[in-house]
Structure formats: structure tokens, C-alpha cells
Amino acid sequence: MTQTTRKPDVSGVHDALKKLQSIVAPTPIRRTQIGESIVWLKCESAQPMGAFKLRGAWHRLTALSEAERRAGVVAFSSGNHAQGIAWAAQKLGIHATIVMPADAPALKIAGTQAFGADVVFYDRATQNREAIAAELARARGAVLVPSFDDPWIIEGQGSCGLEAAAQLGFAPTQVIVPCGGGGLAAGISLALPNAAIVTVEPEGWDDMAQSLCGGHVIPVGKDAPPTLCDALMTPCVSPLTFDVLHGGGAHGVAVSEAETAAAMRFAYHELGLTIEPGGAVALAAAMVGKVAHTETTLIILSGGNVDPTLFAKIMSG
């Protein structure tokens, strides 16, 4: 069976980028001005399934043995990891089952099913997605593929940082990153070890920021407020992602729903980009001054899978 106890490392990030270069084009980088500074935006919303998640999915699934591929994979996700796994599995001829919350955005459910994955729904308020997925994997002899607590996933997401540096022609000194479980931020930290990493989460869901500040993993409180950032509703980050980010000196901030919506409107009206709430939080943090930025700052726009009705409502203000 594939070894799953190793730690993610920079050589794995380079391997992931080589794999991805053979199957998908680099996502674009956009230049824009925020306040007095020029900044650079990495548009992961332009991925074939609309988010950065296919990076880790492709790196993970291509690392499976032939026996593991025949057994299939099980994952759990509110939508973007689900679509990333489904996309990669379809291309590799692997059967995929995804455990998704019943209240996941319809667009993300439909996208996951369109790539050929089976979807098993659960109640986010009363059921444990990890337990459901683990039992499905055990019963089927399938490989469980977490959304961030996995070295291959982290390395795959880190390819975003290497790719961006090559496009820019310089290594960013700072990267502002949307954060759910921290896989993307941790991967970029490995890829760009000299860059200051800033994670951004919705207010009340900023467990990575709290964990980095406190020096140990701190879960989201039971009274966490509703948020439009479904992609970032992770109850607790993993020691794997926390250790990479804490060891790299990262810190985190939180943004409000209103700040996130304003960033979505800016991306659309000024740049013609459709970004989902969870994908816009890093831009929001820069726009409202919660993170100081310079002309060597890279901001990740991590996804664009937003329900059309919700997007229209946000655009109307």
C-alpha cells in the first residue's frame, strides 16, 4: 500500500508541478493596484474545475499503486476538493465516492457528479464526515483521500507557489492565502520558504490564525457564525498543515462577510473575475488593510465555484 506517514517536502512540490505541467496549463496571474501598491493575483479560479484543489488531487491519485487505483478512492468535501478528486479520478479511470454535506452549494454537487463521482450526503450539523468517509473506505477497501491532512495533497497545492514564481520571474516576498484546512497555505510555504505566508479565514472560522497565534492546534468554536465561505468551513486544522505553517513563521487574519463580498465585487467589476466567497478572502484582507502589501506580494484567488443566484445577490450589493 502507498506510504502515508511521510511528511510533505519541497521535492514533492517540484514533483507535483512536473506532473501538472503535463496535463493542465498554468493559471493566469493578474496585476492590479490596491491602495498605493501594485499586487499580483494568482487566479486559481481558472482551473478546469474552478479551483486549486485539482493540484493536490492529481498529485495524490497519480501516486496510487495499480491495486489502489482498482479499489477506488473516497473523499469528503463541501465541494472544491470533491470536484478536484472527481476530475482527477475521471481522467485516471478511478472510481471516486465523495461524502458531501447536504447543504453544499448545488453548483458544486452538480460539478462533482458531472465528473462521474458518486456522492453520499450527510448532515453537517449532526454527522461526522470523516467517520462516514473512513467507514466507506474501510468497507470497500478504497483509499481515503483527505482534503488537506495528507502529504501529497499539501505538496500538490504547493505547486501553485512554484508556478506563480516562474510566471512572475521573481519569488514573492509575501503570499496571502485563503485558508480552510491549510493545505494550500502549507504547500506554498514549502514551495516559497523565504516568503511570509499570511492565512486568511472568515471571522469565527479563523482556527488557523488562532492556532498559529497560540502555538498549538485550536478548533473552531461551537458557536461559529454562519458564513458564505463554504469552502473554508473547516472545524479544525490538522497537525500536518499547522506544523508546516507554524514552523515557517506564518500568521493569520480574519475577514468579515461584508469585506469578502466587497472583494468579490472588486474582482468582478475591475478585473472581470468571478470568485467565490472562500476564494476572495485573501483579496479582502489586502483591500481593507488587514495585511500590509508591497509590489512583491502575491494574493491567491483560490476558487470561482459560486452559485449564480448568490453571486448576483452579492454583485447587487
Protein backbone atom coordinates (compact mmCIF):
# COMPACT_ATOMS: atom_id res chain seq x y z
CA MET A 1 0.00 0.00 0.00
CA THR A 2 1.06 3.60 -0.55
CA GLN A 3 3.06 5.03 2.36
CA THR A 4 1.00 7.71 4.09
CA THR A 5 3.09 8.51 7.15
CA ARG A 6 5.74 10.65 5.47
CA LYS A 7 5.94 14.42 5.78
CA PRO A 8 5.39 16.77 2.83
CA ASP A 9 8.56 18.35 1.47
CA VAL A 10 9.74 20.73 -1.23
CA SER A 11 10.95 17.94 -3.52
CA GLY A 12 7.39 16.62 -3.56
CA VAL A 13 6.14 20.08 -4.54
CA HIS A 14 8.52 20.10 -7.51
CA ASP A 15 7.36 16.61 -8.49
CA ALA A 16 3.75 17.74 -8.30
CA LEU A 17 4.40 20.70 -10.58
CA LYS A 18 6.06 18.47 -13.18
CA LYS A 19 3.04 16.18 -13.16
CA LEU A 20 0.61 19.08 -13.52
CA GLN A 21 2.55 20.75 -16.33
CA SER A 22 1.84 17.72 -18.50
CA ILE A 23 -1.93 17.92 -18.07
CA VAL A 24 -3.11 21.49 -17.31
CA ALA A 25 -1.96 24.96 -18.35
CA PRO A 26 -0.70 27.42 -15.71
CA THR A 27 -3.44 29.57 -14.24
CA PRO A 28 -3.09 33.27 -15.08
CA ILE A 29 -1.51 35.97 -12.95
CA ARG A 30 -3.20 39.36 -12.93
CA ARG A 31 -1.63 42.66 -11.92
CA THR A 32 -3.77 45.16 -10.04
CA GLN A 33 -3.45 48.11 -7.71
CA ILE A 34 -4.70 48.16 -4.12
CA GLY A 35 -4.17 51.48 -2.40
CA GLU A 36 -0.69 52.73 -3.26
CA SER A 37 0.72 49.31 -4.16
CA ILE A 38 0.71 47.05 -7.16
CA VAL A 39 -0.03 43.44 -6.22
CA TRP A 40 -0.22 40.16 -8.13
CA LEU A 41 -3.23 37.86 -8.19
CA LYS A 42 -2.93 34.12 -8.91
CA CYS A 43 -6.24 33.11 -10.48
CA GLU A 44 -6.86 29.52 -9.44
CA SER A 45 -10.49 30.06 -10.38
CA ALA A 46 -9.30 29.40 -13.95
CA GLN A 47 -8.54 25.73 -13.25
CA PRO A 48 -10.62 23.25 -15.31
CA MET A 49 -12.83 22.51 -12.29
CA GLY A 50 -12.73 26.07 -10.98
CA ALA A 51 -10.36 25.82 -8.01
CA PHE A 52 -6.82 24.96 -6.90
CA LYS A 53 -7.91 21.61 -5.49
CA LEU A 54 -7.13 19.63 -8.62
CA ARG A 55 -3.42 20.21 -7.91
CA GLY A 56 -3.38 18.09 -4.78
CA ALA A 57 -5.90 15.64 -6.20
CA TRP A 58 -3.78 14.93 -9.27
CA HIS A 59 -0.57 14.55 -7.26
CA ARG A 60 -2.28 12.21 -4.79
CA LEU A 61 -4.13 9.99 -7.23
CA THR A 62 -1.17 9.60 -9.58
CA ALA A 63 0.84 8.32 -6.59
CA LEU A 64 -1.55 5.40 -6.04
CA SER A 65 -0.46 1.88 -6.91
CA GLU A 66 -2.35 -0.06 -9.59
CA ALA A 67 -4.08 -2.10 -6.88
CA GLU A 68 -5.16 1.07 -5.08
CA ARG A 69 -6.47 2.57 -8.31
CA ARG A 70 -8.59 -0.51 -8.92
CA ALA A 71 -10.00 -0.27 -5.36
CA GLY A 72 -11.07 3.35 -5.85
CA VAL A 73 -10.94 6.40 -3.60
CA VAL A 74 -13.20 8.05 -1.02
CA ALA A 75 -13.02 11.73 -0.09
CA PHE A 76 -15.05 14.23 1.94
CA SER A 77 -15.62 17.83 0.94
CA SER A 78 -18.13 20.65 0.67
CA GLY A 79 -17.29 21.00 -2.99
CA ASN A 80 -13.91 22.03 -4.38
CA HIS A 81 -11.86 19.07 -3.12
CA ALA A 82 -14.80 16.92 -4.22
CA GLN A 83 -14.57 18.27 -7.75
CA GLY A 84 -10.79 18.07 -7.80
CA ILE A 85 -10.83 14.39 -6.81
CA ALA A 86 -13.67 13.65 -9.23
CA TRP A 87 -11.83 15.41 -12.08
CA ALA A 88 -8.57 13.55 -11.44
CA ALA A 89 -10.31 10.22 -10.88
CA GLN A 90 -12.23 10.50 -14.14
CA LYS A 91 -9.05 11.15 -16.12
CA LEU A 92 -7.26 8.24 -14.44
CA GLY A 93 -10.15 5.79 -14.66
CA ILE A 94 -10.53 5.53 -10.88
CA HIS A 95 -13.90 5.14 -9.16
CA ALA A 96 -14.48 8.00 -6.70
CA THR A 97 -17.04 8.39 -3.92
CA ILE A 98 -17.37 11.78 -2.23
CA VAL A 99 -19.05 12.48 1.11
CA MET A 100 -20.64 15.92 0.83
CA PRO A 101 -22.85 17.97 3.18
CA ALA A 102 -26.48 18.03 2.13
CA ASP A 103 -26.36 21.84 2.20
CA ALA A 104 -23.34 22.10 -0.10
CA PRO A 105 -23.82 24.54 -2.99
CA ALA A 106 -25.84 22.91 -5.76
CA LEU A 107 -23.26 24.04 -8.31
CA LYS A 108 -20.51 22.08 -6.53
CA ILE A 109 -22.66 18.97 -6.11
CA ALA A 110 -23.57 19.03 -9.79
CA GLY A 111 -19.96 19.58 -10.78
CA THR A 112 -18.79 16.63 -8.71
CA GLN A 113 -21.41 14.35 -10.22
CA ALA A 114 -20.69 15.62 -13.73
CA PHE A 115 -17.12 14.34 -13.39
CA GLY A 116 -18.53 10.88 -12.66
CA ALA A 117 -18.14 10.62 -8.90
CA ASP A 118 -20.76 9.07 -6.62
CA VAL A 119 -21.97 11.46 -3.92
CA VAL A 120 -23.00 10.41 -0.41
CA PHE A 121 -24.72 13.17 1.57
CA TYR A 122 -24.50 13.84 5.29
CA ASP A 123 -25.93 16.33 7.78
CA ARG A 124 -23.21 18.86 8.63
CA ALA A 125 -24.85 19.65 11.99
CA THR A 126 -25.32 16.12 13.31
CA GLN A 127 -22.94 13.77 11.47
CA ASN A 128 -19.18 13.43 11.17
CA ARG A 129 -17.95 13.43 7.58
CA GLU A 130 -14.55 11.97 8.43
CA ALA A 131 -16.15 8.99 10.19
CA ILE A 132 -18.57 8.36 7.32
CA ALA A 133 -15.81 8.53 4.72
CA ALA A 134 -13.47 6.33 6.77
CA GLU A 135 -16.14 3.65 7.13
CA LEU A 136 -16.93 3.73 3.41
CA ALA A 137 -13.24 3.39 2.57
CA ARG A 138 -12.81 0.53 5.06
CA ALA A 139 -15.83 -1.36 3.76
CA ARG A 140 -14.75 -1.02 0.13
CA GLY A 141 -11.02 -1.38 0.59
CA ALA A 142 -10.69 2.06 -1.01
CA VAL A 143 -8.08 4.74 -0.36
CA LEU A 144 -9.25 7.64 1.81
CA VAL A 145 -8.09 11.00 0.40
CA PRO A 146 -8.44 13.85 2.93
CA SER A 147 -8.83 17.40 1.67
CA PHE A 148 -5.71 18.74 3.43
CA ASP A 149 -4.37 16.26 6.01
CA ASP A 150 -2.19 14.39 3.51
CA PRO A 151 1.41 14.99 2.37
CA TRP A 152 0.64 14.51 -1.34
CA ILE A 153 -2.29 16.92 -1.16
CA ILE A 154 -0.14 19.58 0.53
CA GLU A 155 2.67 19.14 -2.00
CA GLY A 156 0.24 19.31 -4.89
CA GLN A 157 -1.29 22.54 -3.66
CA GLY A 158 2.21 23.97 -3.21
CA SER A 159 2.76 23.74 -6.96
CA CYS A 160 0.68 26.91 -7.13
CA GLY A 161 3.53 28.83 -5.47
CA LEU A 162 6.27 27.43 -7.71
CA GLU A 163 4.18 28.09 -10.80
CA ALA A 164 3.48 31.68 -9.75
CA ALA A 165 7.16 32.43 -9.07
CA ALA A 166 8.09 31.17 -12.53
CA GLN A 167 5.40 33.32 -14.14
CA LEU A 168 6.40 36.42 -12.19
CA GLY A 169 10.11 35.99 -12.76
CA PHE A 170 10.77 36.55 -9.06
CA ALA A 171 9.96 34.85 -5.78
CA PRO A 172 7.20 36.73 -3.93
CA THR A 173 8.26 38.05 -0.54
CA GLN A 174 4.73 37.64 0.80
CA VAL A 175 1.82 35.38 -0.12
CA ILE A 176 -1.71 35.99 1.17
CA VAL A 177 -3.71 32.76 1.04
CA PRO A 178 -7.33 31.73 1.71
CA CYS A 179 -7.30 29.04 4.40
CA GLY A 180 -9.70 26.25 5.31
CA GLY A 181 -7.63 23.29 6.47
CA GLY A 182 -4.39 24.94 5.43
CA GLY A 183 -3.27 22.61 2.64
CA LEU A 184 -2.78 25.40 0.10
CA ALA A 185 -1.01 27.72 2.54
CA ALA A 186 1.23 24.91 3.85
CA GLY A 187 2.15 23.81 0.34
CA ILE A 188 3.04 27.35 -0.70
CA SER A 189 5.11 27.72 2.47
CA LEU A 190 7.15 24.70 1.38
CA ALA A 191 7.42 25.97 -2.19
CA LEU A 192 8.44 29.52 -1.23
CA PRO A 193 10.32 29.19 2.08
CA ASN A 194 11.55 32.79 2.06
CA ALA A 195 8.07 34.27 1.63
CA ALA A 196 5.97 35.49 4.55
CA ILE A 197 2.75 33.46 4.49
CA VAL A 198 -0.48 35.05 5.71
CA THR A 199 -3.55 32.84 6.03
CA VAL A 200 -6.99 34.42 5.74
CA GLU A 201 -10.22 32.92 7.07
CA PRO A 202 -13.80 34.08 7.71
CA GLU A 203 -14.47 35.66 11.08
CA GLY A 204 -15.40 32.98 13.61
CA TRP A 205 -13.79 30.28 11.46
CA ASP A 206 -10.23 31.52 11.91
CA ASP A 207 -8.90 28.44 13.68
CA MET A 208 -5.62 28.50 11.77
CA ALA A 209 -4.99 32.11 12.81
CA GLN A 210 -5.83 31.26 16.41
CA SER A 211 -3.67 28.14 16.29
CA LEU A 212 -0.68 29.98 14.84
CA CYS A 213 -1.03 32.68 17.48
CA GLY A 214 -1.44 30.18 20.33
CA GLY A 215 1.29 27.80 19.20
CA HIS A 216 -0.95 24.72 19.10
CA VAL A 217 -3.98 23.48 17.19
CA ILE A 218 -7.17 25.24 18.35
CA PRO A 219 -10.50 24.12 16.81
CA VAL A 220 -13.31 26.37 15.67
CA GLY A 221 -15.69 27.28 18.49
CA LYS A 222 -19.07 25.58 18.74
CA ASP A 223 -20.72 28.98 18.33
CA ALA A 224 -19.11 29.69 14.94
CA PRO A 225 -21.34 32.02 12.91
CA PRO A 226 -22.86 31.25 9.51
CA THR A 227 -20.58 32.12 6.60
CA LEU A 228 -20.88 32.30 2.83
CA CYS A 229 -17.37 30.81 2.64
CA ASP A 230 -18.47 27.16 2.44
CA ALA A 231 -15.03 26.22 1.11
CA LEU A 232 -13.40 27.40 4.35
CA MET A 233 -15.71 25.86 6.96
CA THR A 234 -13.12 23.51 8.43
CA PRO A 235 -13.83 22.69 12.10
CA CYS A 236 -10.17 22.03 12.91
CA VAL A 237 -6.89 22.24 11.02
CA SER A 238 -4.52 19.27 11.07
CA PRO A 239 -1.19 18.97 12.86
CA LEU A 240 0.36 18.34 9.44
CA THR A 241 -0.63 21.71 7.96
CA PHE A 242 -0.22 23.55 11.26
CA ASP A 243 3.32 22.26 11.76
CA VAL A 244 4.42 23.41 8.31
CA LEU A 245 2.92 26.86 8.73
CA HIS A 246 3.97 27.35 12.34
CA GLY A 247 7.47 26.19 11.54
CA GLY A 248 7.61 28.64 8.65
CA GLY A 249 6.55 31.60 10.78
CA ALA A 250 3.15 32.14 9.15
CA HIS A 251 0.42 34.19 10.79
CA GLY A 252 -3.27 34.60 10.08
CA VAL A 253 -6.08 37.16 9.96
CA ALA A 254 -9.86 37.02 9.60
CA VAL A 255 -12.26 38.99 7.39
CA SER A 256 -15.96 39.73 7.63
CA GLU A 257 -18.69 38.68 5.24
CA ALA A 258 -19.07 42.28 4.07
CA GLU A 259 -15.33 42.56 3.39
CA THR A 260 -15.40 39.32 1.42
CA ALA A 261 -18.36 40.48 -0.65
CA ALA A 262 -16.60 43.77 -1.44
CA ALA A 263 -13.57 41.83 -2.68
CA MET A 264 -15.78 39.70 -4.93
CA ARG A 265 -17.29 42.85 -6.42
CA PHE A 266 -13.84 44.37 -6.97
CA ALA A 267 -12.62 41.21 -8.71
CA TYR A 268 -15.64 41.15 -11.00
CA HIS A 269 -16.07 44.84 -11.83
CA GLU A 270 -12.38 45.77 -12.03
CA LEU A 271 -10.87 42.55 -13.38
CA GLY A 272 -13.75 40.57 -14.89
CA LEU A 273 -13.14 37.65 -12.49
CA THR A 274 -15.86 35.53 -10.90
CA ILE A 275 -14.57 34.48 -7.48
CA GLU A 276 -16.45 32.51 -4.83
CA PRO A 277 -16.58 33.86 -1.26
CA GLY A 278 -13.96 31.47 0.08
CA GLY A 279 -11.71 32.29 -2.85
CA ALA A 280 -11.90 36.05 -2.24
CA VAL A 281 -10.90 36.31 1.42
CA ALA A 282 -7.18 36.90 0.76
CA LEU A 283 -8.00 39.75 -1.59
CA ALA A 284 -10.41 41.12 1.02
CA ALA A 285 -7.70 41.14 3.70
CA ALA A 286 -5.41 43.18 1.45
CA MET A 287 -8.15 45.57 0.37
CA VAL A 288 -9.16 46.55 3.92
CA GLY A 289 -5.59 46.83 5.19
CA LYS A 290 -5.58 43.81 7.49
CA VAL A 291 -2.44 42.73 5.69
CA ALA A 292 0.13 45.26 4.52
CA HIS A 293 1.32 44.55 0.99
CA THR A 294 4.03 45.56 -1.45
CA GLU A 295 4.84 45.12 -5.13
CA THR A 296 6.23 41.66 -4.39
CA THR A 297 3.03 40.45 -2.72
CA LEU A 298 1.16 37.53 -4.27
CA ILE A 299 -2.55 37.08 -3.48
CA ILE A 300 -4.21 33.75 -4.18
CA LEU A 301 -7.74 33.75 -5.60
CA SER A 302 -8.36 30.12 -4.77
CA GLY A 303 -11.66 29.34 -6.48
CA GLY A 304 -14.61 30.56 -8.51
CA ASN A 305 -17.34 27.97 -7.95
CA VAL A 306 -20.13 30.22 -6.72
CA ASP A 307 -23.86 29.71 -7.06
CA PRO A 308 -25.15 32.12 -9.76
CA THR A 309 -28.03 33.35 -7.60
CA LEU A 310 -25.75 34.08 -4.66
CA PHE A 311 -23.22 35.75 -6.94
CA ALA A 312 -25.88 38.02 -8.44
CA LYS A 313 -27.08 38.98 -4.95
CA ILE A 314 -23.55 39.85 -3.85
CA MET A 315 -22.88 41.83 -7.02
CA SER A 316 -26.02 43.88 -6.41
CA GLY A 317 -24.66 44.90 -3.02
